[in-house]
Structures are given as structure tokens and as C-alpha cells.
C-alpha atoms as a PDB file:
ATOM      1  CA  MET A   1      -0.006   0.003  -0.036  1.00  0.00           C
ATOM      2  CA  PRO A   2       1.075   3.348  -0.851  1.00  0.00           C
ATOM      3  CA  LYS A   3       2.042   5.993   1.321  1.00  0.00           C
ATOM      4  CA  ARG A   4       0.952   9.664   1.380  1.00  0.00           C
ATOM      5  CA  LEU A   5       2.696  12.898   2.391  1.00  0.00           C
ATOM      6  CA  ALA A   6       1.309  16.010   2.902  1.00  0.00           C
ATOM      7  CA  ILE A   7       3.782  19.022   3.115  1.00  0.00           C
ATOM      8  CA  LEU A   8       2.219  22.189   4.527  1.00  0.00           C
ATOM      9  CA  ARG A   9       3.927  25.693   4.805  1.00  0.00           C
ATOM     10  CA  HIS A  10       3.129  27.765   7.344  1.00  0.00           C
ATOM     11  CA  ALA A  11       0.462  30.658   6.785  1.00  0.00           C
ATOM     12  CA  LYS A  12       2.043  34.199   5.953  1.00  0.00           C
ATOM     13  CA  SER A  13       3.307  35.771   9.321  1.00  0.00           C
ATOM     14  CA  ASP A  14       3.795  39.193  10.965  1.00  0.00           C
ATOM     15  CA  TRP A  15       6.734  41.403   9.900  1.00  0.00           C
ATOM     16  CA  GLY A  16       5.354  44.089  11.188  1.00  0.00           C
ATOM     17  CA  GLN A  17       6.433  44.055  14.719  1.00  0.00           C
ATOM     18  CA  PRO A  18      10.137  45.058  15.892  1.00  0.00           C
ATOM     19  CA  GLY A  19      12.722  43.372  17.882  1.00  0.00           C
ATOM     20  CA  VAL A  20      10.734  39.997  17.439  1.00  0.00           C
ATOM     21  CA  SER A  21      12.714  36.951  16.626  1.00  0.00           C
ATOM     22  CA  ASP A  22      12.288  34.932  13.207  1.00  0.00           C
ATOM     23  CA  PHE A  23      11.170  31.709  15.110  1.00  0.00           C
ATOM     24  CA  ASP A  24       9.061  33.530  17.348  1.00  0.00           C
ATOM     25  CA  ARG A  25       7.170  35.877  14.629  1.00  0.00           C
ATOM     26  CA  PRO A  26       3.030  35.174  14.367  1.00  0.00           C
ATOM     27  CA  LEU A  27       0.723  34.842  11.255  1.00  0.00           C
ATOM     28  CA  ASN A  28      -0.660  38.357  10.203  1.00  0.00           C
ATOM     29  CA  ASP A  29      -4.476  38.708   9.091  1.00  0.00           C
ATOM     30  CA  ARG A  30      -4.371  37.227   6.090  1.00  0.00           C
ATOM     31  CA  GLY A  31      -2.330  34.214   7.425  1.00  0.00           C
ATOM     32  CA  ARG A  32      -4.888  33.579  10.055  1.00  0.00           C
ATOM     33  CA  ALA A  33      -7.507  33.882   7.212  1.00  0.00           C
ATOM     34  CA  ALA A  34      -5.357  31.744   4.903  1.00  0.00           C
ATOM     35  CA  ALA A  35      -4.600  28.774   7.396  1.00  0.00           C
ATOM     36  CA  GLY A  36      -8.900  29.102   8.373  1.00  0.00           C
ATOM     37  CA  LEU A  37      -9.641  28.403   4.230  1.00  0.00           C
ATOM     38  CA  ILE A  38      -6.875  25.675   3.972  1.00  0.00           C
ATOM     39  CA  GLY A  39      -8.106  24.065   7.464  1.00  0.00           C
ATOM     40  CA  ARG A  40     -11.603  23.739   5.808  1.00  0.00           C
ATOM     41  CA  ALA A  41     -10.272  22.822   2.835  1.00  0.00           C
ATOM     42  CA  ILE A  42      -8.752  19.420   4.453  1.00  0.00           C
ATOM     43  CA  ASP A  43     -11.778  19.167   6.379  1.00  0.00           C
ATOM     44  CA  GLU A  44     -13.899  18.772   3.528  1.00  0.00           C
ATOM     45  CA  ARG A  45     -11.597  16.873   1.196  1.00  0.00           C
ATOM     46  CA  GLY A  46     -11.915  14.253   4.224  1.00  0.00           C
ATOM     47  CA  LEU A  47      -7.859  14.300   4.383  1.00  0.00           C
ATOM     48  CA  GLN A  48      -6.596  12.291   7.663  1.00  0.00           C
ATOM     49  CA  PHE A  49      -2.902  12.454   8.958  1.00  0.00           C
ATOM     50  CA  ASP A  50      -1.596   9.312  11.123  1.00  0.00           C
ATOM     51  CA  VAL A  51       1.183  11.288  12.247  1.00  0.00           C
ATOM     52  CA  VAL A  52       1.912  15.576  11.728  1.00  0.00           C
ATOM     53  CA  VAL A  53       5.372  16.285  12.747  1.00  0.00           C
ATOM     54  CA  SER A  54       6.130  20.231  12.428  1.00  0.00           C
ATOM     55  CA  SER A  55       8.659  23.012  13.460  1.00  0.00           C
ATOM     56  CA  PRO A  56       8.200  24.671  16.773  1.00  0.00           C
ATOM     57  CA  SER A  57       8.214  28.432  15.407  1.00  0.00           C
ATOM     58  CA  ALA A  58       5.443  30.621  16.212  1.00  0.00           C
ATOM     59  CA  ARG A  59       4.019  30.512  13.065  1.00  0.00           C
ATOM     60  CA  THR A  60       3.678  26.844  12.287  1.00  0.00           C
ATOM     61  CA  ARG A  61       1.910  26.423  15.737  1.00  0.00           C
ATOM     62  CA  GLU A  62      -0.219  29.117  15.312  1.00  0.00           C
ATOM     63  CA  THR A  63      -1.162  27.690  11.569  1.00  0.00           C
ATOM     64  CA  LEU A  64      -1.730  24.342  12.927  1.00  0.00           C
ATOM     65  CA  ALA A  65      -3.806  25.298  15.684  1.00  0.00           C
ATOM     66  CA  LEU A  66      -6.007  27.203  13.183  1.00  0.00           C
ATOM     67  CA  ILE A  67      -6.442  24.687  11.190  1.00  0.00           C
ATOM     68  CA  GLY A  68      -7.200  21.960  14.287  1.00  0.00           C
ATOM     69  CA  ILE A  69      -4.349  19.711  14.174  1.00  0.00           C
ATOM     70  CA  ASP A  70      -2.288  18.813  16.882  1.00  0.00           C
ATOM     71  CA  ALA A  71       1.694  17.964  16.091  1.00  0.00           C
ATOM     72  CA  GLN A  72       4.688  16.711  17.247  1.00  0.00           C
ATOM     73  CA  TRP A  73       7.142  19.386  17.283  1.00  0.00           C
ATOM     74  CA  GLU A  74      10.563  18.731  15.909  1.00  0.00           C
ATOM     75  CA  GLU A  75      13.428  20.902  16.428  1.00  0.00           C
ATOM     76  CA  LYS A  76      15.526  20.426  13.172  1.00  0.00           C
ATOM     77  CA  LEU A  77      12.281  21.147  10.865  1.00  0.00           C
ATOM     78  CA  TYR A  78      13.078  25.059  12.130  1.00  0.00           C
ATOM     79  CA  LEU A  79      14.100  26.204   8.248  1.00  0.00           C
ATOM     80  CA  ALA A  80      15.307  22.801   7.791  1.00  0.00           C
ATOM     81  CA  GLY A  81      16.662  21.695   3.940  1.00  0.00           C
ATOM     82  CA  PRO A  82      15.524  19.359   1.664  1.00  0.00           C
ATOM     83  CA  ASP A  83      18.129  16.721   3.100  1.00  0.00           C
ATOM     84  CA  THR A  84      16.973  17.375   6.726  1.00  0.00           C
ATOM     85  CA  LEU A  85      13.279  17.180   5.774  1.00  0.00           C
ATOM     86  CA  MET A  86      14.297  14.365   3.660  1.00  0.00           C
ATOM     87  CA  GLY A  87      15.555  12.521   6.622  1.00  0.00           C
ATOM     88  CA  VAL A  88      12.772  13.333   8.488  1.00  0.00           C
ATOM     89  CA  VAL A  89      10.034  11.418   6.173  1.00  0.00           C
ATOM     90  CA  ARG A  90      12.685   8.564   5.740  1.00  0.00           C
ATOM     91  CA  GLY A  91      12.360   8.270   9.768  1.00  0.00           C
ATOM     92  CA  LEU A  92       8.575   8.450  10.406  1.00  0.00           C
ATOM     93  CA  PRO A  93       6.602   5.197  11.435  1.00  0.00           C
ATOM     94  CA  ASP A  94       5.470   2.673   8.774  1.00  0.00           C
ATOM     95  CA  MET A  95       2.774   2.110  10.677  1.00  0.00           C
ATOM     96  CA  ALA A  96       1.703   5.039   9.488  1.00  0.00           C
ATOM     97  CA  GLN A  97       0.113   5.164   6.224  1.00  0.00           C
ATOM     98  CA  SER A  98      -0.603   9.029   5.993  1.00  0.00           C
ATOM     99  CA  ALA A  99       1.666  11.742   7.277  1.00  0.00           C
ATOM    100  CA  LEU A 100       1.935  15.523   7.399  1.00  0.00           C
ATOM    101  CA  ILE A 101       5.154  17.700   7.826  1.00  0.00           C
ATOM    102  CA  VAL A 102       5.157  21.129   8.286  1.00  0.00           C
ATOM    103  CA  GLY A 103       7.743  23.933   7.832  1.00  0.00           C
ATOM    104  CA  HIS A 104       9.188  26.573   6.002  1.00  0.00           C
ATOM    105  CA  ASN A 105      10.597  27.312   2.395  1.00  0.00           C
ATOM    106  CA  PRO A 106      12.805  26.727   0.387  1.00  0.00           C
ATOM    107  CA  GLY A 107      12.920  23.619   1.971  1.00  0.00           C
ATOM    108  CA  LEU A 108       9.495  22.640   1.704  1.00  0.00           C
ATOM    109  CA  HIS A 109       9.086  23.751  -1.898  1.00  0.00           C
ATOM    110  CA  GLU A 110      12.490  21.463  -2.723  1.00  0.00           C
ATOM    111  CA  LEU A 111      11.028  18.686  -1.166  1.00  0.00           C
ATOM    112  CA  VAL A 112       8.074  18.612  -2.771  1.00  0.00           C
ATOM    113  CA  LEU A 113       9.926  18.809  -6.787  1.00  0.00           C
ATOM    114  CA  LYS A 114      12.512  16.151  -5.483  1.00  0.00           C
ATOM    115  CA  LEU A 115       9.407  13.641  -4.139  1.00  0.00           C
ATOM    116  CA  GLY A 116       7.022  14.171  -7.017  1.00  0.00           C
ATOM    117  CA  ARG A 117       7.515  13.788 -10.905  1.00  0.00           C
ATOM    118  CA  PRO A 118       6.354  15.477 -13.632  1.00  0.00           C
ATOM    119  CA  ASP A 119       2.303  14.520 -13.664  1.00  0.00           C
ATOM    120  CA  ALA A 120      -0.445  14.799 -16.459  1.00  0.00           C
ATOM    121  CA  ARG A 121      -2.847  17.371 -13.917  1.00  0.00           C
ATOM    122  CA  GLY A 122       0.188  19.994 -14.189  1.00  0.00           C
ATOM    123  CA  LEU A 123       0.426  20.235 -10.264  1.00  0.00           C
ATOM    124  CA  ARG A 124       4.383  19.739 -10.262  1.00  0.00           C
ATOM    125  CA  GLN A 125       4.886  22.244 -12.540  1.00  0.00           C
ATOM    126  CA  ARG A 126       2.827  24.402 -10.764  1.00  0.00           C
ATOM    127  CA  VAL A 127       4.927  24.050  -7.981  1.00  0.00           C
ATOM    128  CA  LEU A 128       7.808  24.877  -9.808  1.00  0.00           C
ATOM    129  CA  GLY A 129       7.017  28.430  -9.662  1.00  0.00           C
ATOM    130  CA  LYS A 130       6.056  28.787  -6.669  1.00  0.00           C
ATOM    131  CA  PHE A 131       5.084  27.218  -3.271  1.00  0.00           C
ATOM    132  CA  PRO A 132       2.962  30.142  -1.522  1.00  0.00           C
ATOM    133  CA  THR A 133       2.220  30.151   2.355  1.00  0.00           C
ATOM    134  CA  ALA A 134      -0.118  28.076   3.216  1.00  0.00           C
ATOM    135  CA  ALA A 135       0.343  25.818   0.462  1.00  0.00           C
ATOM    136  CA  LEU A 136      -0.268  22.156   1.096  1.00  0.00           C
ATOM    137  CA  ALA A 137       0.583  19.918  -1.655  1.00  0.00           C
ATOM    138  CA  VAL A 138      -0.357  16.107  -1.183  1.00  0.00           C
ATOM    139  CA  LEU A 139       1.413  13.240  -2.378  1.00  0.00           C
ATOM    140  CA  GLU A 140       1.119   9.773  -3.404  1.00  0.00           C
ATOM    141  CA  LEU A 141       4.682   8.153  -2.638  1.00  0.00           C
ATOM    142  CA  GLU A 142       4.954   4.327  -4.221  1.00  0.00           C
ATOM    143  CA  ILE A 143       6.759   3.292  -1.192  1.00  0.00           C
ATOM    144  CA  LYS A 144       5.816   0.345   1.149  1.00  0.00           C
ATOM    145  CA  SER A 145       8.174   1.931   3.952  1.00  0.00           C
ATOM    146  CA  TRP A 146       8.655   5.491   4.668  1.00  0.00           C
ATOM    147  CA  SER A 147      12.868   4.751   4.454  1.00  0.00           C
ATOM    148  CA  GLU A 148      12.262   4.122   1.048  1.00  0.00           C
ATOM    149  CA  ALA A 149      11.576   7.787  -0.093  1.00  0.00           C
ATOM    150  CA  GLY A 150      13.540   9.210  -2.574  1.00  0.00           C
ATOM    151  CA  PRO A 151      13.952  11.402  -5.512  1.00  0.00           C
ATOM    152  CA  ALA A 152      10.587  11.454  -7.525  1.00  0.00           C
ATOM    153  CA  CYS A 153       8.976   8.428  -5.975  1.00  0.00           C
ATOM    154  CA  GLY A 154       5.437   9.649  -5.759  1.00  0.00           C
ATOM    155  CA  GLU A 155       3.241  12.203  -7.708  1.00  0.00           C
ATOM    156  CA  ILE A 156       1.269  15.411  -6.707  1.00  0.00           C
ATOM    157  CA  SER A 157      -2.421  13.736  -6.162  1.00  0.00           C
ATOM    158  CA  ALA A 158      -3.841  17.363  -5.123  1.00  0.00           C
ATOM    159  CA  LEU A 159      -2.443  21.135  -4.260  1.00  0.00           C
ATOM    160  CA  LEU A 160      -4.481  23.299  -1.739  1.00  0.00           C
ATOM    161  CA  LEU A 161      -3.229  26.939  -2.374  1.00  0.00           C
ATOM    162  CA  PRO A 162      -5.314  29.633  -0.645  1.00  0.00           C
ATOM    163  CA  ARG A 163      -5.828  31.744  -3.400  1.00  0.00           C
ATOM    164  CA  ASP A 164      -7.650  28.985  -5.161  1.00  0.00           C
ATOM    165  CA  LEU A 165      -9.956  28.588  -2.032  1.00  0.00           C
ATOM    166  CA  ASP A 166     -11.242  31.985  -1.644  1.00  0.00           C
END
């Protein structure tokens, strides 16, 4: 049975508070609205996750709280590059058929492109240009064990962008 991996970038954060560290930046109003849209889209599509692993930054925590999903907080996901992210995917428990990884660009953008091969619907092509804030890519990976995850092992089956849901 293939594995399903969803990759979610945090919603848009607030840059308007001087002195707030990058790690502690909250969402702005647009980000909170986008997180709500993505949360409803997840519910409407019946997407469920056996395991959720997230960066512990304030903006990822707030995004998940607004969506209504609990997560395991993983320090190494904060601003992680694609190699670190791939290591997290490969380390997911095999009893989990579906997983959600939540974090930051550019690492998540690169991970989606690395795992997903070109598809007839052109979803990978859409991601090629940009993986915006609050974007959710769902990949069907043709693997039996998460440890088998690697380049082009799957296909993007869904790409949810707030601007398409508004």
C-alpha cells in the first residue's frame, strides 16, 4: 500500500513587529484567514493524518492551531533544507500510512519538487514556480516503507492554495 505525504507551508507571518525574532513571528491577518481556508479544505476532502510533524516556530504552531491539527514538534524542521526534511520523512513510523510535515520554505518547496515527478495534471509544474504560504501539497508515494522515500518516488495528487479556495 502506498504512503501519502502531505506537505504544508505555514501561513503568512507578520513582519510588522520590531524586535520579534524570526522564530517567534506570529501570523498576520491574511495568514490567519488562509489557515482557516486550508483547514476547511482539509476537512472537506476528508484528509486525515496518522502522524503530524512540525517545526516548533510560532507561525507553524499558530497555523496548525487554526487548522485544528495537533503535531509533534521537531526542532530540526525549523528552516530545514531538503536533505534534513528527507531524513525526517524517511524516519517516519511505518505503521503510519499518511503523514503531514509542516514547516518553511525554501526547504519544503524543494522537497515537494524532489519527491514528485511530472504529472498529467501539471501540479508539479505549478509548484515549480512557487510554493506560497499556507500551500498544501499531497503526494502519493509509491513506497512500502518511509525509509524508501527518494527522488521522484511519487506524484502530487492534490495542491491546495489559499488563493484557489477563496
